């Protein structure tokens, strides 16, 4: 018994039929494409984690560089009402 009631011989027969239908060249190309997709996905995930680490630092810098003046905001609120 193998995977879920499928024996090793049944798996080998299915694999042989797939190779006969598609050929080794197409299967090799599909494998290369799949490997490239996985590699690209991993790279995107690591880039996402790096940008997540940078975001808190950028927020702190922007808050320090441009503090809001409460008097200016009160004037703008009064002007918007008119």
PDB file of N, CA and C in Angstrom:
ATOM      1  N   UNK A   1       0.843  -1.182   0.000  1.00  0.00           N
ATOM      2  CA  UNK A   1       0.000   0.000   0.000  1.00  0.00           C
ATOM      3  C   UNK A   1       0.883   1.238   0.000  1.00  0.00           C
ATOM      4  N   UNK A   2       0.456   2.209  -0.754  1.00  0.00           N
ATOM      5  CA  UNK A   2       1.205   3.452  -0.847  1.00  0.00           C
ATOM      6  C   UNK A   2       0.387   4.619  -0.335  1.00  0.00           C
ATOM      7  N   UNK A   3       0.269   5.606  -1.140  1.00  0.00           N
ATOM      8  CA  UNK A   3      -0.413   6.837  -0.785  1.00  0.00           C
ATOM      9  C   UNK A   3      -1.920   6.691  -0.976  1.00  0.00           C
ATOM     10  N   UNK A   4      -2.681   6.616   0.102  1.00  0.00           N
ATOM     11  CA  UNK A   4      -4.133   6.570   0.014  1.00  0.00           C
ATOM     12  C   UNK A   4      -4.662   5.372  -0.742  1.00  0.00           C
ATOM     13  N   UNK A   5      -4.034   4.229  -0.630  1.00  0.00           N
ATOM     14  CA  UNK A   5      -4.512   3.036  -1.311  1.00  0.00           C
ATOM     15  C   UNK A   5      -3.940   2.851  -2.705  1.00  0.00           C
ATOM     16  N   UNK A   6      -3.036   3.737  -3.139  1.00  0.00           N
ATOM     17  CA  UNK A   6      -2.410   3.610  -4.459  1.00  0.00           C
ATOM     18  C   UNK A   6      -1.046   2.959  -4.259  1.00  0.00           C
ATOM     19  N   UNK A   7      -0.802   1.879  -4.968  1.00  0.00           N
ATOM     20  CA  UNK A   7       0.466   1.173  -4.806  1.00  0.00           C
ATOM     21  C   UNK A   7       1.565   1.846  -5.626  1.00  0.00           C
ATOM     22  N   UNK A   8       2.776   1.429  -5.365  1.00  0.00           N
ATOM     23  CA  UNK A   8       3.937   1.960  -6.073  1.00  0.00           C
ATOM     24  C   UNK A   8       3.850   1.649  -7.564  1.00  0.00           C
ATOM     25  N   UNK A   9       3.376   0.465  -7.916  1.00  0.00           N
ATOM     26  CA  UNK A   9       3.272   0.080  -9.323  1.00  0.00           C
ATOM     27  C   UNK A   9       2.266   0.959 -10.063  1.00  0.00           C
ATOM     28  N   UNK A  10       1.180   1.285  -9.413  1.00  0.00           N
ATOM     29  CA  UNK A  10       0.188   2.153 -10.048  1.00  0.00           C
ATOM     30  C   UNK A  10       0.760   3.547 -10.289  1.00  0.00           C
ATOM     31  N   UNK A  11       1.525   4.045  -9.331  1.00  0.00           N
ATOM     32  CA  UNK A  11       2.166   5.350  -9.506  1.00  0.00           C
ATOM     33  C   UNK A  11       3.163   5.330 -10.662  1.00  0.00           C
ATOM     34  N   UNK A  12       3.938   4.251 -10.779  1.00  0.00           N
ATOM     35  CA  UNK A  12       4.905   4.139 -11.873  1.00  0.00           C
ATOM     36  C   UNK A  12       4.213   4.066 -13.231  1.00  0.00           C
ATOM     37  N   UNK A  13       3.101   3.358 -13.305  1.00  0.00           N
ATOM     38  CA  UNK A  13       2.356   3.271 -14.566  1.00  0.00           C
ATOM     39  C   UNK A  13       1.803   4.635 -14.959  1.00  0.00           C
ATOM     40  N   UNK A  14       1.251   5.365 -14.000  1.00  0.00           N
ATOM     41  CA  UNK A  14       0.725   6.709 -14.283  1.00  0.00           C
ATOM     42  C   UNK A  14       1.855   7.627 -14.725  1.00  0.00           C
ATOM     43  N   UNK A  15       3.005   7.544 -14.071  1.00  0.00           N
ATOM     44  CA  UNK A  15       4.161   8.358 -14.450  1.00  0.00           C
ATOM     45  C   UNK A  15       4.626   8.031 -15.868  1.00  0.00           C
ATOM     46  N   UNK A  16       4.656   6.753 -16.219  1.00  0.00           N
ATOM     47  CA  UNK A  16       5.059   6.351 -17.572  1.00  0.00           C
ATOM     48  C   UNK A  16       4.079   6.880 -18.617  1.00  0.00           C
ATOM     49  N   UNK A  17       2.795   6.852 -18.327  1.00  0.00           N
ATOM     50  CA  UNK A  17       1.794   7.377 -19.267  1.00  0.00           C
ATOM     51  C   UNK A  17       1.968   8.881 -19.447  1.00  0.00           C
ATOM     52  N   UNK A  18       2.240   9.594 -18.354  1.00  0.00           N
ATOM     53  CA  UNK A  18       2.452  11.048 -18.444  1.00  0.00           C
ATOM     54  C   UNK A  18       3.673  11.356 -19.297  1.00  0.00           C
ATOM     55  N   UNK A  19       4.753  10.604 -19.114  1.00  0.00           N
ATOM     56  CA  UNK A  19       5.968  10.817 -19.910  1.00  0.00           C
ATOM     57  C   UNK A  19       5.693  10.537 -21.380  1.00  0.00           C
ATOM     58  N   UNK A  20       4.933   9.495 -21.677  1.00  0.00           N
ATOM     59  CA  UNK A  20       4.606   9.180 -23.071  1.00  0.00           C
ATOM     60  C   UNK A  20       3.724  10.259 -23.703  1.00  0.00           C
ATOM     61  N   UNK A  21       2.792  10.799 -22.943  1.00  0.00           N
ATOM     62  CA  UNK A  21       1.887  11.816 -23.489  1.00  0.00           C
ATOM     63  C   UNK A  21       2.589  13.152 -23.734  1.00  0.00           C
ATOM     64  N   UNK A  22       3.343  13.611 -22.750  1.00  0.00           N
ATOM     65  CA  UNK A  22       3.926  14.946 -22.843  1.00  0.00           C
ATOM     66  C   UNK A  22       5.353  14.949 -23.358  1.00  0.00           C
ATOM     67  N   UNK A  23       6.085  13.912 -23.138  1.00  0.00           N
ATOM     68  CA  UNK A  23       7.484  13.877 -23.545  1.00  0.00           C
ATOM     69  C   UNK A  23       8.364  14.501 -22.480  1.00  0.00           C
ATOM     70  N   UNK A  24       9.615  14.100 -22.484  1.00  0.00           N
ATOM     71  CA  UNK A  24      10.526  14.575 -21.444  1.00  0.00           C
ATOM     72  C   UNK A  24      10.875  16.046 -21.614  1.00  0.00           C
ATOM     73  N   UNK A  25      10.909  16.524 -22.862  1.00  0.00           N
ATOM     74  CA  UNK A  25      11.275  17.918 -23.103  1.00  0.00           C
ATOM     75  C   UNK A  25      10.236  18.873 -22.506  1.00  0.00           C
ATOM     76  N   UNK A  26       8.959  18.583 -22.721  1.00  0.00           N
ATOM     77  CA  UNK A  26       7.909  19.438 -22.163  1.00  0.00           C
ATOM     78  C   UNK A  26       7.882  19.356 -20.644  1.00  0.00           C
ATOM     79  N   UNK A  27       8.074  18.153 -20.110  1.00  0.00           N
ATOM     80  CA  UNK A  27       8.080  18.002 -18.655  1.00  0.00           C
ATOM     81  C   UNK A  27       9.254  18.755 -18.030  1.00  0.00           C
ATOM     82  N   UNK A  28      10.402  18.741 -18.702  1.00  0.00           N
ATOM     83  CA  UNK A  28      11.561  19.476 -18.204  1.00  0.00           C
ATOM     84  C   UNK A  28      11.278  20.977 -18.223  1.00  0.00           C
ATOM     85  N   UNK A  29      10.630  21.446 -19.285  1.00  0.00           N
ATOM     86  CA  UNK A  29      10.271  22.862 -19.376  1.00  0.00           C
ATOM     87  C   UNK A  29       9.275  23.268 -18.303  1.00  0.00           C
ATOM     88  N   UNK A  30       8.294  22.405 -18.055  1.00  0.00           N
ATOM     89  CA  UNK A  30       7.308  22.692 -17.005  1.00  0.00           C
ATOM     90  C   UNK A  30       7.993  22.742 -15.643  1.00  0.00           C
ATOM     91  N   UNK A  31       8.918  21.817 -15.410  1.00  0.00           N
ATOM     92  CA  UNK A  31       9.655  21.807 -14.144  1.00  0.00           C
ATOM     93  C   UNK A  31      10.491  23.062 -13.965  1.00  0.00           C
ATOM     94  N   UNK A  32      11.131  23.513 -15.040  1.00  0.00           N
ATOM     95  CA  UNK A  32      11.924  24.741 -14.964  1.00  0.00           C
ATOM     96  C   UNK A  32      11.058  25.958 -14.705  1.00  0.00           C
ATOM     97  N   UNK A  33       9.902  26.015 -15.359  1.00  0.00           N
ATOM     98  CA  UNK A  33       8.982  27.129 -15.135  1.00  0.00           C
ATOM     99  C   UNK A  33       8.459  27.134 -13.703  1.00  0.00           C
ATOM    100  N   UNK A  34       8.140  25.962 -13.200  1.00  0.00           N
ATOM    101  CA  UNK A  34       7.637  25.856 -11.835  1.00  0.00           C
ATOM    102  C   UNK A  34       8.717  26.262 -10.834  1.00  0.00           C
ATOM    103  N   UNK A  35       9.946  25.828 -11.078  1.00  0.00           N
ATOM    104  CA  UNK A  35      11.055  26.215 -10.205  1.00  0.00           C
ATOM    105  C   UNK A  35      11.300  27.713 -10.226  1.00  0.00           C
ATOM    106  N   UNK A  36      11.209  28.328 -11.406  1.00  0.00           N
ATOM    107  CA  UNK A  36      11.372  29.778 -11.504  1.00  0.00           C
ATOM    108  C   UNK A  36      10.267  30.525 -10.782  1.00  0.00           C
ATOM    109  N   UNK A  37       9.057  29.990 -10.847  1.00  0.00           N
ATOM    110  CA  UNK A  37       7.934  30.627 -10.155  1.00  0.00           C
ATOM    111  C   UNK A  37       8.121  30.564  -8.643  1.00  0.00           C
ATOM    112  N   UNK A  38       8.580  29.429  -8.148  1.00  0.00           N
ATOM    113  CA  UNK A  38       8.813  29.286  -6.708  1.00  0.00           C
ATOM    114  C   UNK A  38       9.933  30.222  -6.269  1.00  0.00           C
ATOM    115  N   UNK A  39      10.979  30.324  -7.069  1.00  0.00           N
ATOM    116  CA  UNK A  39      12.103  31.206  -6.738  1.00  0.00           C
ATOM    117  C   UNK A  39      11.651  32.666  -6.719  1.00  0.00           C
ATOM    118  N   UNK A  40      10.836  33.063  -7.699  1.00  0.00           N
ATOM    119  CA  UNK A  40      10.312  34.425  -7.730  1.00  0.00           C
ATOM    120  C   UNK A  40       9.404  34.712  -6.551  1.00  0.00           C
ATOM    121  N   UNK A  41       8.593  33.731  -6.160  1.00  0.00           N
ATOM    122  CA  UNK A  41       7.705  33.898  -5.014  1.00  0.00           C
ATOM    123  C   UNK A  41       8.508  34.096  -3.736  1.00  0.00           C
ATOM    124  N   UNK A  42       9.554  33.292  -3.549  1.00  0.00           N
ATOM    125  CA  UNK A  42      10.388  33.426  -2.356  1.00  0.00           C
ATOM    126  C   UNK A  42      11.075  34.786  -2.321  1.00  0.00           C
ATOM    127  N   UNK A  43      11.535  35.262  -3.481  1.00  0.00           N
ATOM    128  CA  UNK A  43      12.197  36.566  -3.550  1.00  0.00           C
ATOM    129  C   UNK A  43      11.214  37.679  -3.208  1.00  0.00           C
ATOM    130  N   UNK A  44       9.999  37.585  -3.719  1.00  0.00           N
ATOM    131  CA  UNK A  44       8.988  38.601  -3.427  1.00  0.00           C
ATOM    132  C   UNK A  44       8.637  38.610  -1.948  1.00  0.00           C
ATOM    133  N   UNK A  45       8.571  37.441  -1.341  1.00  0.00           N
ATOM    134  CA  UNK A  45       8.252  37.370   0.087  1.00  0.00           C
ATOM    135  C   UNK A  45       9.370  37.980   0.924  1.00  0.00           C
ATOM    136  N   UNK A  46      10.625  37.737   0.566  1.00  0.00           N
ATOM    137  CA  UNK A  46      11.733  38.310   1.330  1.00  0.00           C
ATOM    138  C   UNK A  46      11.791  39.820   1.126  1.00  0.00           C
ATOM    139  N   UNK A  47      11.482  40.302  -0.083  1.00  0.00           N
ATOM    140  CA  UNK A  47      11.429  41.742  -0.319  1.00  0.00           C
ATOM    141  C   UNK A  47      10.318  42.382   0.502  1.00  0.00           C
ATOM    142  N   UNK A  48       9.187  41.708   0.610  1.00  0.00           N
ATOM    143  CA  UNK A  48       8.053  42.208   1.395  1.00  0.00           C
ATOM    144  C   UNK A  48       8.437  42.332   2.864  1.00  0.00           C
ATOM    145  N   UNK A  49       9.168  41.349   3.384  1.00  0.00           N
ATOM    146  CA  UNK A  49       9.589  41.398   4.780  1.00  0.00           C
ATOM    147  C   UNK A  49      10.579  42.533   4.998  1.00  0.00           C
ATOM    148  N   UNK A  50      11.453  42.789   4.029  1.00  0.00           N
ATOM    149  CA  UNK A  50      12.415  43.877   4.160  1.00  0.00           C
ATOM    150  C   UNK A  50      11.713  45.228   4.157  1.00  0.00           C
ATOM    151  N   UNK A  51      10.699  45.414   3.329  1.00  0.00           N
ATOM    152  CA  UNK A  51       9.981  46.691   3.301  1.00  0.00           C
ATOM    153  C   UNK A  51       9.157  46.871   4.560  1.00  0.00           C
ATOM    154  N   UNK A  52       8.651  45.784   5.141  1.00  0.00           N
ATOM    155  CA  UNK A  52       7.907  45.891   6.396  1.00  0.00           C
ATOM    156  C   UNK A  52       8.814  46.370   7.518  1.00  0.00           C
ATOM    157  N   UNK A  53      10.071  45.974   7.490  1.00  0.00           N
ATOM    158  CA  UNK A  53      11.012  46.410   8.515  1.00  0.00           C
ATOM    159  C   UNK A  53      11.359  47.884   8.341  1.00  0.00           C
ATOM    160  N   UNK A  54      11.367  48.391   7.110  1.00  0.00           N
ATOM    161  CA  UNK A  54      11.733  49.775   6.844  1.00  0.00           C
ATOM    162  C   UNK A  54      10.589  50.743   7.129  1.00  0.00           C
ATOM    163  N   UNK A  55       9.361  50.326   7.032  1.00  0.00           N
ATOM    164  CA  UNK A  55       8.217  51.222   7.179  1.00  0.00           C
ATOM    165  C   UNK A  55       8.177  51.938   8.526  1.00  0.00           C
ATOM    166  N   UNK A  56       8.355  51.271   9.676  1.00  0.00           N
ATOM    167  CA  UNK A  56       8.312  52.011  10.942  1.00  0.00           C
ATOM    168  C   UNK A  56       9.382  53.093  11.028  1.00  0.00           C
ATOM    169  N   UNK A  57      10.546  52.846  10.469  1.00  0.00           N
ATOM    170  CA  UNK A  57      11.605  53.849  10.486  1.00  0.00           C
ATOM    171  C   UNK A  57      11.215  55.058   9.645  1.00  0.00           C
ATOM    172  N   UNK A  58      10.590  54.837   8.490  1.00  0.00           N
ATOM    173  CA  UNK A  58      10.180  55.934   7.627  1.00  0.00           C
ATOM    174  C   UNK A  58       9.076  56.750   8.277  1.00  0.00           C
ATOM    175  N   UNK A  59       8.166  56.113   8.982  1.00  0.00           N
ATOM    176  CA  UNK A  59       7.075  56.828   9.645  1.00  0.00           C
ATOM    177  C   UNK A  59       7.634  57.716  10.740  1.00  0.00           C
ATOM    178  N   UNK A  60       8.585  57.218  11.510  1.00  0.00           N
ATOM    179  CA  UNK A  60       9.169  58.018  12.575  1.00  0.00           C
ATOM    180  C   UNK A  60       9.906  59.221  12.002  1.00  0.00           C
ATOM    181  N   UNK A  61      10.622  59.049  10.904  1.00  0.00           N
ATOM    182  CA  UNK A  61      11.352  60.155  10.290  1.00  0.00           C
ATOM    183  C   UNK A  61      10.395  61.217   9.776  1.00  0.00           C
ATOM    184  N   UNK A  62       9.293  60.817   9.171  1.00  0.00           N
ATOM    185  CA  UNK A  62       8.353  61.795   8.630  1.00  0.00           C
ATOM    186  C   UNK A  62       7.656  62.553   9.751  1.00  0.00           C
ATOM    187  N   UNK A  63       7.387  61.922  10.884  1.00  0.00           N
ATOM    188  CA  UNK A  63       6.755  62.610  12.004  1.00  0.00           C
ATOM    189  C   UNK A  63       7.709  63.628  12.612  1.00  0.00           C
ATOM    190  N   UNK A  64       8.987  63.301  12.663  1.00  0.00           N
ATOM    191  CA  UNK A  64       9.965  64.216  13.231  1.00  0.00           C
ATOM    192  C   UNK A  64      10.236  65.394  12.302  1.00  0.00           C
ATOM    193  N   UNK A  65      10.202  65.190  11.013  1.00  0.00           N
ATOM    194  CA  UNK A  65      10.566  66.237  10.070  1.00  0.00           C
ATOM    195  C   UNK A  65       9.455  67.246   9.839  1.00  0.00           C
ATOM    196  N   UNK A  66       8.195  66.867  10.016  1.00  0.00           N
ATOM    197  CA  UNK A  66       7.087  67.780   9.737  1.00  0.00           C
ATOM    198  C   UNK A  66       6.069  67.766  10.874  1.00  0.00           C
ATOM    199  N   UNK A  67       6.412  68.415  12.013  1.00  0.00           N
ATOM    200  CA  UNK A  67       5.429  68.461  13.101  1.00  0.00           C
ATOM    201  C   UNK A  67       4.288  69.409  12.744  1.00  0.00           C
ATOM    202  N   UNK A  68       3.098  69.070  13.166  1.00  0.00           N
ATOM    203  CA  UNK A  68       1.930  69.891  12.883  1.00  0.00           C
ATOM    204  C   UNK A  68       1.805  70.990  13.924  1.00  0.00           C
ATOM    205  N   UNK A  69       1.461  72.181  13.473  1.00  0.00           N
ATOM    206  CA  UNK A  69       1.211  73.301  14.362  1.00  0.00           C
ATOM    207  C   UNK A  69      -0.288  73.367  14.604  1.00  0.00           C
ATOM    208  N   UNK A  70      -0.691  73.291  15.858  1.00  0.00           N
ATOM    209  CA  UNK A  70      -2.121  73.239  16.157  1.00  0.00           C
ATOM    210  C   UNK A  70      -2.808  74.550  15.802  1.00  0.00           C
ATOM    211  N   UNK A  71      -2.115  75.682  15.860  1.00  0.00           N
ATOM    212  CA  UNK A  71      -2.724  76.965  15.508  1.00  0.00           C
ATOM    213  C   UNK A  71      -3.056  77.003  14.019  1.00  0.00           C
ATOM    214  N   UNK A  72      -2.174  76.455  13.179  1.00  0.00           N
ATOM    215  CA  UNK A  72      -2.434  76.428  11.743  1.00  0.00           C
ATOM    216  C   UNK A  72      -3.633  75.547  11.417  1.00  0.00           C
ATOM    217  N   UNK A  73      -3.756  74.447  12.092  1.00  0.00           N
ATOM    218  CA  UNK A  73      -4.882  73.563  11.800  1.00  0.00           C
ATOM    219  C   UNK A  73      -6.190  74.191  12.239  1.00  0.00           C
ATOM    220  N   UNK A  74      -6.192  74.957  13.338  1.00  0.00           N
ATOM    221  CA  UNK A  74      -7.415  75.639  13.782  1.00  0.00           C
ATOM    222  C   UNK A  74      -7.823  76.709  12.775  1.00  0.00           C
ATOM    223  N   UNK A  75      -6.857  77.434  12.219  1.00  0.00           N
ATOM    224  CA  UNK A  75      -7.166  78.460  11.218  1.00  0.00           C
ATOM    225  C   UNK A  75      -7.760  77.823   9.968  1.00  0.00           C
ATOM    226  N   UNK A  76      -7.201  76.699   9.546  1.00  0.00           N
ATOM    227  CA  UNK A  76      -7.712  76.015   8.359  1.00  0.00           C
ATOM    228  C   UNK A  76      -9.126  75.509   8.579  1.00  0.00           C
ATOM    229  N   UNK A  77      -9.432  75.057   9.786  1.00  0.00           N
ATOM    230  CA  UNK A  77     -10.783  74.595  10.077  1.00  0.00           C
ATOM    231  C   UNK A  77     -11.767  75.759  10.001  1.00  0.00           C
ATOM    232  N   UNK A  78     -11.356  76.938  10.550  1.00  0.00           N
ATOM    233  CA  UNK A  78     -12.236  78.108  10.517  1.00  0.00           C
ATOM    234  C   UNK A  78     -12.444  78.592   9.091  1.00  0.00           C
ATOM    235  N   UNK A  79     -11.406  78.564   8.263  1.00  0.00           N
ATOM    236  CA  UNK A  79     -11.524  79.005   6.872  1.00  0.00           C
ATOM    237  C   UNK A  79     -12.401  78.058   6.058  1.00  0.00           C
ATOM    238  N   UNK A  80     -12.361  76.789   6.367  1.00  0.00           N
ATOM    239  CA  UNK A  80     -13.177  75.823   5.636  1.00  0.00           C
ATOM    240  C   UNK A  80     -14.656  75.966   5.962  1.00  0.00           C
ATOM    241  N   UNK A  81     -14.972  76.475   7.150  1.00  0.00           N
ATOM    242  CA  UNK A  81     -16.368  76.659   7.541  1.00  0.00           C
ATOM    243  C   UNK A  81     -17.020  77.793   6.769  1.00  0.00           C
ATOM    244  N   UNK A  82     -16.251  78.821   6.405  1.00  0.00           N
ATOM    245  CA  UNK A  82     -16.805  80.008   5.736  1.00  0.00           C
ATOM    246  C   UNK A  82     -17.114  79.762   4.314  1.00  0.00           C
TER     247      UNK A  82
END
